[in-house]
Amino acid sequence: MAHDHNTGLAARLRRQESAEGVISTAIAVLIMALIGAAMWAVFSGVFSDSADLIEDQVGELQPLD
Protein backbone atom coordinates (compact mmCIF):
# COMPACT_ATOMS: atom_id res chain seq x y z
CA MET A 1 0.00 0.00 0.00
CA ALA A 2 2.91 2.38 0.71
CA HIS A 3 4.07 1.92 -2.87
CA ASP A 4 0.72 3.20 -4.19
CA HIS A 5 0.90 6.26 -1.91
CA ASN A 6 4.41 7.14 -3.15
CA THR A 7 3.39 6.69 -6.77
CA GLY A 8 0.40 8.99 -6.27
CA LEU A 9 2.58 11.59 -4.56
CA ALA A 10 5.14 11.50 -7.37
CA ALA A 11 2.41 11.89 -9.97
CA ARG A 12 0.93 14.88 -8.10
CA LEU A 13 4.34 16.53 -7.85
CA ARG A 14 4.93 16.05 -11.59
CA ARG A 15 1.54 17.63 -12.36
CA GLN A 16 2.30 20.60 -10.12
CA GLU A 17 5.71 21.14 -11.71
CA SER A 18 4.26 20.98 -15.23
CA ALA A 19 1.70 23.63 -14.31
CA GLU A 20 4.53 25.91 -13.19
CA GLY A 21 6.08 25.60 -16.65
CA VAL A 22 2.84 26.65 -18.32
CA ILE A 23 2.49 29.65 -16.02
CA SER A 24 6.12 30.68 -16.55
CA THR A 25 5.70 30.41 -20.30
CA ALA A 26 2.54 32.51 -20.19
CA ILE A 27 4.32 35.19 -18.17
CA ALA A 28 7.26 35.18 -20.61
CA VAL A 29 4.89 35.54 -23.58
CA LEU A 30 3.08 38.41 -21.88
CA ILE A 31 6.36 40.21 -21.14
CA MET A 32 7.52 39.75 -24.74
CA ALA A 33 4.19 41.11 -26.01
CA LEU A 34 4.55 44.19 -23.80
CA ILE A 35 8.12 44.74 -25.00
CA GLY A 36 6.97 44.37 -28.61
CA ALA A 37 4.17 46.89 -28.08
CA ALA A 38 6.59 49.36 -26.50
CA MET A 39 9.04 48.91 -29.38
CA TRP A 40 6.25 49.50 -31.90
CA ALA A 41 5.17 52.69 -30.12
CA VAL A 42 8.74 54.02 -30.14
CA PHE A 43 9.26 53.05 -33.79
CA SER A 44 5.97 54.63 -34.81
CA GLY A 45 6.85 57.87 -33.01
CA VAL A 46 10.33 58.04 -34.53
CA PHE A 47 8.98 57.26 -38.00
CA SER A 48 6.28 59.93 -37.69
CA ASP A 49 8.78 62.56 -36.50
CA SER A 50 11.21 61.65 -39.28
CA ALA A 51 8.48 61.88 -41.90
CA ASP A 52 7.50 65.34 -40.65
CA LEU A 53 11.13 66.54 -40.75
CA ILE A 54 11.64 65.18 -44.27
CA GLU A 55 8.44 66.82 -45.45
CA ASP A 56 9.60 70.17 -44.00
CA GLN A 57 13.01 69.86 -45.64
CA VAL A 58 11.53 68.94 -49.01
CA GLY A 59 9.19 71.92 -48.73
CA GLU A 60 12.19 74.23 -48.26
CA LEU A 61 13.92 73.11 -51.44
CA GLN A 62 14.20 75.77 -54.12
CA PRO A 63 13.56 74.78 -57.71
CA LEU A 64 16.49 75.14 -60.07
CA ASP A 65 16.17 77.82 -62.79
C-alpha atoms as a PDB file:
ATOM      1  CA  MET A   1       0.000   0.000   0.000  1.00  0.00           C
ATOM      2  CA  ALA A   2       2.910   2.383   0.708  1.00  0.00           C
ATOM      3  CA  HIS A   3       4.067   1.922  -2.866  1.00  0.00           C
ATOM      4  CA  ASP A   4       0.717   3.205  -4.194  1.00  0.00           C
ATOM      5  CA  HIS A   5       0.902   6.259  -1.908  1.00  0.00           C
ATOM      6  CA  ASN A   6       4.409   7.135  -3.146  1.00  0.00           C
ATOM      7  CA  THR A   7       3.390   6.694  -6.772  1.00  0.00           C
ATOM      8  CA  GLY A   8       0.398   8.987  -6.272  1.00  0.00           C
ATOM      9  CA  LEU A   9       2.582  11.592  -4.564  1.00  0.00           C
ATOM     10  CA  ALA A  10       5.143  11.500  -7.375  1.00  0.00           C
ATOM     11  CA  ALA A  11       2.407  11.891  -9.973  1.00  0.00           C
ATOM     12  CA  ARG A  12       0.925  14.882  -8.098  1.00  0.00           C
ATOM     13  CA  LEU A  13       4.337  16.534  -7.848  1.00  0.00           C
ATOM     14  CA  ARG A  14       4.933  16.054 -11.588  1.00  0.00           C
ATOM     15  CA  ARG A  15       1.537  17.628 -12.361  1.00  0.00           C
ATOM     16  CA  GLN A  16       2.300  20.597 -10.117  1.00  0.00           C
ATOM     17  CA  GLU A  17       5.706  21.138 -11.712  1.00  0.00           C
ATOM     18  CA  SER A  18       4.257  20.985 -15.228  1.00  0.00           C
ATOM     19  CA  ALA A  19       1.702  23.632 -14.309  1.00  0.00           C
ATOM     20  CA  GLU A  20       4.531  25.908 -13.188  1.00  0.00           C
ATOM     21  CA  GLY A  21       6.077  25.604 -16.650  1.00  0.00           C
ATOM     22  CA  VAL A  22       2.838  26.650 -18.316  1.00  0.00           C
ATOM     23  CA  ILE A  23       2.489  29.655 -16.022  1.00  0.00           C
ATOM     24  CA  SER A  24       6.119  30.676 -16.549  1.00  0.00           C
ATOM     25  CA  THR A  25       5.698  30.409 -20.302  1.00  0.00           C
ATOM     26  CA  ALA A  26       2.535  32.509 -20.195  1.00  0.00           C
ATOM     27  CA  ILE A  27       4.320  35.192 -18.174  1.00  0.00           C
ATOM     28  CA  ALA A  28       7.256  35.183 -20.608  1.00  0.00           C
ATOM     29  CA  VAL A  29       4.887  35.537 -23.582  1.00  0.00           C
ATOM     30  CA  LEU A  30       3.082  38.415 -21.876  1.00  0.00           C
ATOM     31  CA  ILE A  31       6.357  40.211 -21.141  1.00  0.00           C
ATOM     32  CA  MET A  32       7.517  39.751 -24.743  1.00  0.00           C
ATOM     33  CA  ALA A  33       4.187  41.111 -26.011  1.00  0.00           C
ATOM     34  CA  LEU A  34       4.552  44.192 -23.801  1.00  0.00           C
ATOM     35  CA  ILE A  35       8.124  44.737 -24.996  1.00  0.00           C
ATOM     36  CA  GLY A  36       6.970  44.371 -28.609  1.00  0.00           C
ATOM     37  CA  ALA A  37       4.167  46.888 -28.079  1.00  0.00           C
ATOM     38  CA  ALA A  38       6.592  49.360 -26.500  1.00  0.00           C
ATOM     39  CA  MET A  39       9.040  48.908 -29.381  1.00  0.00           C
ATOM     40  CA  TRP A  40       6.253  49.497 -31.905  1.00  0.00           C
ATOM     41  CA  ALA A  41       5.167  52.685 -30.115  1.00  0.00           C
ATOM     42  CA  VAL A  42       8.737  54.023 -30.139  1.00  0.00           C
ATOM     43  CA  PHE A  43       9.262  53.055 -33.793  1.00  0.00           C
ATOM     44  CA  SER A  44       5.970  54.631 -34.806  1.00  0.00           C
ATOM     45  CA  GLY A  45       6.849  57.870 -33.006  1.00  0.00           C
ATOM     46  CA  VAL A  46      10.327  58.042 -34.530  1.00  0.00           C
ATOM     47  CA  PHE A  47       8.983  57.260 -38.000  1.00  0.00           C
ATOM     48  CA  SER A  48       6.283  59.932 -37.694  1.00  0.00           C
ATOM     49  CA  ASP A  49       8.782  62.558 -36.499  1.00  0.00           C
ATOM     50  CA  SER A  50      11.211  61.652 -39.283  1.00  0.00           C
ATOM     51  CA  ALA A  51       8.475  61.879 -41.900  1.00  0.00           C
ATOM     52  CA  ASP A  52       7.505  65.341 -40.646  1.00  0.00           C
ATOM     53  CA  LEU A  53      11.126  66.540 -40.750  1.00  0.00           C
ATOM     54  CA  ILE A  54      11.637  65.183 -44.268  1.00  0.00           C
ATOM     55  CA  GLU A  55       8.442  66.818 -45.446  1.00  0.00           C
ATOM     56  CA  ASP A  56       9.597  70.168 -44.001  1.00  0.00           C
ATOM     57  CA  GLN A  57      13.010  69.859 -45.643  1.00  0.00           C
ATOM     58  CA  VAL A  58      11.533  68.940 -49.014  1.00  0.00           C
ATOM     59  CA  GLY A  59       9.193  71.924 -48.735  1.00  0.00           C
ATOM     60  CA  GLU A  60      12.187  74.233 -48.262  1.00  0.00           C
ATOM     61  CA  LEU A  61      13.919  73.109 -51.445  1.00  0.00           C
ATOM     62  CA  GLN A  62      14.201  75.773 -54.123  1.00  0.00           C
ATOM     63  CA  PRO A  63      13.559  74.781 -57.712  1.00  0.00           C
ATOM     64  CA  LEU A  64      16.494  75.141 -60.074  1.00  0.00           C
ATOM     65  CA  ASP A  65      16.172  77.825 -62.788  1.00  0.00           C
END
